[in-house]
Amino acid sequence: MFPSRLSSSEHLSTRQYARIVKAWVISIGLDPSIYGTHTLRHSKASLIYRRTKNLRADQLLLGHTKLESIIRYLGIEVGDALDMA
């Protein structure tokens, strides 16, 4: 989906991706010190969780090995997460 400019690499580097996101953020008039690649990652996970309440789906999408990690990442109370599970 996002091929690298370099022929030696199949994919974009994290730095290349960060530059693209920064350019998008600036182009729509937002502050790039507030919005970046991690913000997009966190927002996507939060939206998926809000719509599906599926912690396991978020865990897989984000590549977290422990459910506790995704719970902390989304800011969910452990008790609420256990009730949902």
Protein backbone atom coordinates (compact mmCIF):
# COMPACT_ATOMS: atom_id res chain seq x y z
CA MET A 1 0.00 0.00 0.00
CA PHE A 2 2.85 2.39 0.85
CA PRO A 3 5.90 1.36 -1.17
CA SER A 4 9.27 2.76 -0.26
CA ARG A 5 11.07 5.34 -2.37
CA LEU A 6 14.17 3.21 -1.95
CA SER A 7 14.47 0.16 -4.14
CA SER A 8 16.30 -1.74 -1.39
CA SER A 9 13.27 -1.63 0.91
CA GLU A 10 9.82 -2.97 0.22
CA HIS A 11 7.98 -0.73 2.69
CA LEU A 12 8.11 2.79 4.07
CA SER A 13 10.34 3.32 7.04
CA THR A 14 8.80 4.66 10.22
CA ARG A 15 10.62 7.95 9.57
CA GLN A 16 9.20 8.22 6.04
CA TYR A 17 5.72 7.52 7.40
CA ALA A 18 6.18 10.18 10.10
CA ARG A 19 7.18 12.74 7.47
CA ILE A 20 4.07 11.96 5.40
CA VAL A 21 1.78 12.25 8.42
CA LYS A 22 3.45 15.52 9.44
CA ALA A 23 2.87 16.95 5.95
CA TRP A 24 -0.81 15.89 6.08
CA VAL A 25 -1.26 17.44 9.51
CA ILE A 26 0.33 20.72 8.43
CA SER A 27 -1.68 20.76 5.18
CA ILE A 28 -4.96 20.77 7.11
CA GLY A 29 -3.77 23.43 9.54
CA LEU A 30 -3.15 21.34 12.65
CA ASP A 31 -0.16 21.48 14.98
CA PRO A 32 2.27 18.64 14.13
CA SER A 33 3.61 18.63 17.69
CA ILE A 34 0.17 17.47 18.86
CA TYR A 35 -0.82 15.12 16.01
CA GLY A 36 1.46 12.38 14.73
CA THR A 37 1.80 8.72 13.90
CA HIS A 38 1.17 7.54 17.45
CA THR A 39 -1.93 9.74 17.71
CA LEU A 40 -3.34 8.05 14.60
CA ARG A 41 -2.54 4.61 16.00
CA HIS A 42 -4.20 5.43 19.31
CA SER A 43 -7.24 7.02 17.65
CA LYS A 44 -7.82 4.01 15.40
CA ALA A 45 -7.62 1.60 18.33
CA SER A 46 -10.00 3.76 20.38
CA LEU A 47 -12.52 3.97 17.53
CA ILE A 48 -12.47 0.22 16.97
CA TYR A 49 -12.92 -0.43 20.67
CA ARG A 50 -15.75 2.10 20.97
CA ARG A 51 -17.63 0.56 18.06
CA THR A 52 -17.06 -3.12 18.78
CA LYS A 53 -16.09 -3.38 22.47
CA ASN A 54 -13.73 -6.10 21.20
CA LEU A 55 -10.50 -5.91 23.16
CA ARG A 56 -9.06 -8.94 21.38
CA ALA A 57 -9.46 -7.29 17.95
CA ASP A 58 -7.64 -4.20 19.18
CA GLN A 59 -4.96 -6.34 20.77
CA LEU A 60 -4.31 -8.14 17.48
CA LEU A 61 -4.37 -4.96 15.38
CA LEU A 62 -1.88 -3.20 17.64
CA GLY A 63 0.35 -6.23 18.07
CA HIS A 64 0.15 -6.24 21.86
CA THR A 65 0.95 -9.61 23.38
CA LYS A 66 -0.76 -8.98 26.72
CA LEU A 67 -4.36 -7.96 27.24
CA GLU A 68 -3.16 -5.74 30.10
CA SER A 69 -1.19 -3.68 27.58
CA ILE A 70 -4.22 -2.90 25.45
CA ILE A 71 -6.27 -2.10 28.55
CA ARG A 72 -3.68 0.46 29.67
CA TYR A 73 -3.29 1.77 26.13
CA LEU A 74 -7.01 2.46 25.78
CA GLY A 75 -7.38 3.75 29.33
CA ILE A 76 -9.94 1.13 30.34
CA GLU A 77 -10.40 0.08 33.93
CA VAL A 78 -9.24 -3.51 34.52
CA GLY A 79 -12.50 -4.44 36.22
CA ASP A 80 -14.53 -3.18 33.25
CA ALA A 81 -12.29 -5.09 30.85
CA LEU A 82 -12.72 -8.30 32.86
CA ASP A 83 -16.49 -7.83 32.87
CA MET A 84 -16.47 -7.45 29.08
CA ALA A 85 -14.23 -10.46 28.59
